């Protein structure tokens, strides 16, 4: 394989990689609504804790506890009831991967 084909192969692989990466980075359904209360940046001061970079397991446990009424809440108990386990897991994984 000559150098031109090698370069084309590498460029093609990079395009394919970033195409999959952008799909994987898409915000899951329901997660965008979280930023109404949970600040999107750690520099924003709010009494509601931020979610970016938080451990996915912590988010999943909290959401499921809210949903089952096992964690004190103002509105999260009602919000959490609207999500399935799969949706909660996807949201938690997405927020865990986010960095400011």
Protein backbone atom coordinates (compact mmCIF):
# COMPACT_ATOMS: atom_id res chain seq x y z
CA UNK A 1 0.00 0.00 0.00
CA UNK A 2 1.44 3.37 -0.97
CA UNK A 3 1.56 6.42 1.27
CA UNK A 4 -1.49 8.03 -0.35
CA UNK A 5 -3.65 4.99 0.38
CA UNK A 6 -2.33 4.79 3.93
CA UNK A 7 -3.24 8.43 4.56
CA UNK A 8 -6.70 7.88 3.06
CA UNK A 9 -7.18 4.84 5.27
CA UNK A 10 -6.21 6.79 8.40
CA UNK A 11 -8.48 9.71 7.48
CA UNK A 12 -11.36 7.31 6.86
CA UNK A 13 -10.78 5.59 10.19
CA UNK A 14 -10.71 8.96 11.98
CA UNK A 15 -13.98 10.05 10.35
CA UNK A 16 -15.60 6.76 11.32
CA UNK A 17 -14.30 7.03 14.90
CA UNK A 18 -15.56 10.59 15.38
CA UNK A 19 -18.92 9.69 13.83
CA UNK A 20 -19.40 6.97 16.43
CA UNK A 21 -18.03 9.21 19.19
CA UNK A 22 -20.54 11.95 18.38
CA UNK A 23 -23.41 9.45 18.47
CA UNK A 24 -22.20 8.12 21.82
CA UNK A 25 -21.90 11.68 23.14
CA UNK A 26 -25.53 12.56 22.32
CA UNK A 27 -27.53 13.50 25.34
CA UNK A 28 -29.97 10.73 26.28
CA UNK A 29 -33.71 11.48 26.44
CA UNK A 30 -34.61 13.19 29.69
CA UNK A 31 -31.10 14.34 30.60
CA UNK A 32 -31.46 17.83 29.14
CA UNK A 33 -34.26 18.59 31.59
CA UNK A 34 -31.89 18.04 34.52
CA UNK A 35 -30.06 21.30 33.81
CA UNK A 36 -33.20 23.19 34.82
CA UNK A 37 -32.16 22.62 38.44
CA UNK A 38 -28.70 21.01 38.28
CA UNK A 39 -26.15 23.53 37.01
CA UNK A 40 -24.35 22.52 33.81
CA UNK A 41 -21.05 24.01 35.07
CA UNK A 42 -19.34 23.54 38.43
CA UNK A 43 -18.65 27.29 38.58
CA UNK A 44 -22.37 28.00 39.04
CA UNK A 45 -23.32 28.15 42.71
CA UNK A 46 -26.63 26.47 43.47
CA UNK A 47 -28.08 24.52 46.40
CA UNK A 48 -28.84 21.67 43.97
CA UNK A 49 -25.71 19.55 43.41
CA UNK A 50 -24.16 19.39 39.96
CA UNK A 51 -24.16 16.14 38.03
CA UNK A 52 -21.26 16.54 35.61
CA UNK A 53 -18.49 14.07 36.35
CA UNK A 54 -20.35 12.51 39.28
CA UNK A 55 -20.04 8.75 39.61
CA UNK A 56 -22.73 7.05 37.49
CA UNK A 57 -23.51 4.57 40.26
CA UNK A 58 -24.24 7.43 42.68
CA UNK A 59 -26.62 9.04 40.21
CA UNK A 60 -28.38 5.74 39.52
CA UNK A 61 -28.82 4.95 43.21
CA UNK A 62 -30.11 8.44 43.98
CA UNK A 63 -32.58 8.42 41.09
CA UNK A 64 -33.91 4.99 42.01
CA UNK A 65 -34.22 6.00 45.69
CA UNK A 66 -36.11 9.14 44.66
CA UNK A 67 -38.37 7.06 42.42
CA UNK A 68 -39.17 4.60 45.25
CA UNK A 69 -39.72 7.37 47.81
CA UNK A 70 -36.70 6.29 49.87
CA UNK A 71 -34.88 9.63 49.61
CA UNK A 72 -36.24 12.99 50.81
CA UNK A 73 -37.19 15.21 47.90
CA UNK A 74 -39.06 18.30 46.87
CA UNK A 75 -39.68 17.37 43.22
CA UNK A 76 -37.14 14.66 42.37
CA UNK A 77 -39.41 11.89 43.60
CA UNK A 78 -42.03 12.86 41.01
CA UNK A 79 -39.46 13.46 38.27
CA UNK A 80 -37.71 10.15 38.87
CA UNK A 81 -40.98 8.23 38.53
CA UNK A 82 -41.03 9.21 34.87
CA UNK A 83 -37.84 7.27 34.05
CA UNK A 84 -37.26 3.58 33.46
CA UNK A 85 -34.15 1.85 34.80
CA UNK A 86 -32.62 1.94 31.31
CA UNK A 87 -33.26 5.68 31.00
CA UNK A 88 -31.80 6.33 34.46
CA UNK A 89 -28.72 4.27 33.59
CA UNK A 90 -28.23 6.16 30.30
CA UNK A 91 -28.63 9.54 31.99
CA UNK A 92 -26.23 8.58 34.79
CA UNK A 93 -23.61 7.32 32.34
CA UNK A 94 -23.90 10.45 30.23
CA UNK A 95 -23.54 12.82 33.20
CA UNK A 96 -20.62 10.80 34.58
CA UNK A 97 -18.81 11.30 31.26
CA UNK A 98 -19.38 15.07 31.21
CA UNK A 99 -16.59 17.38 32.23
CA UNK A 100 -16.84 21.15 32.71
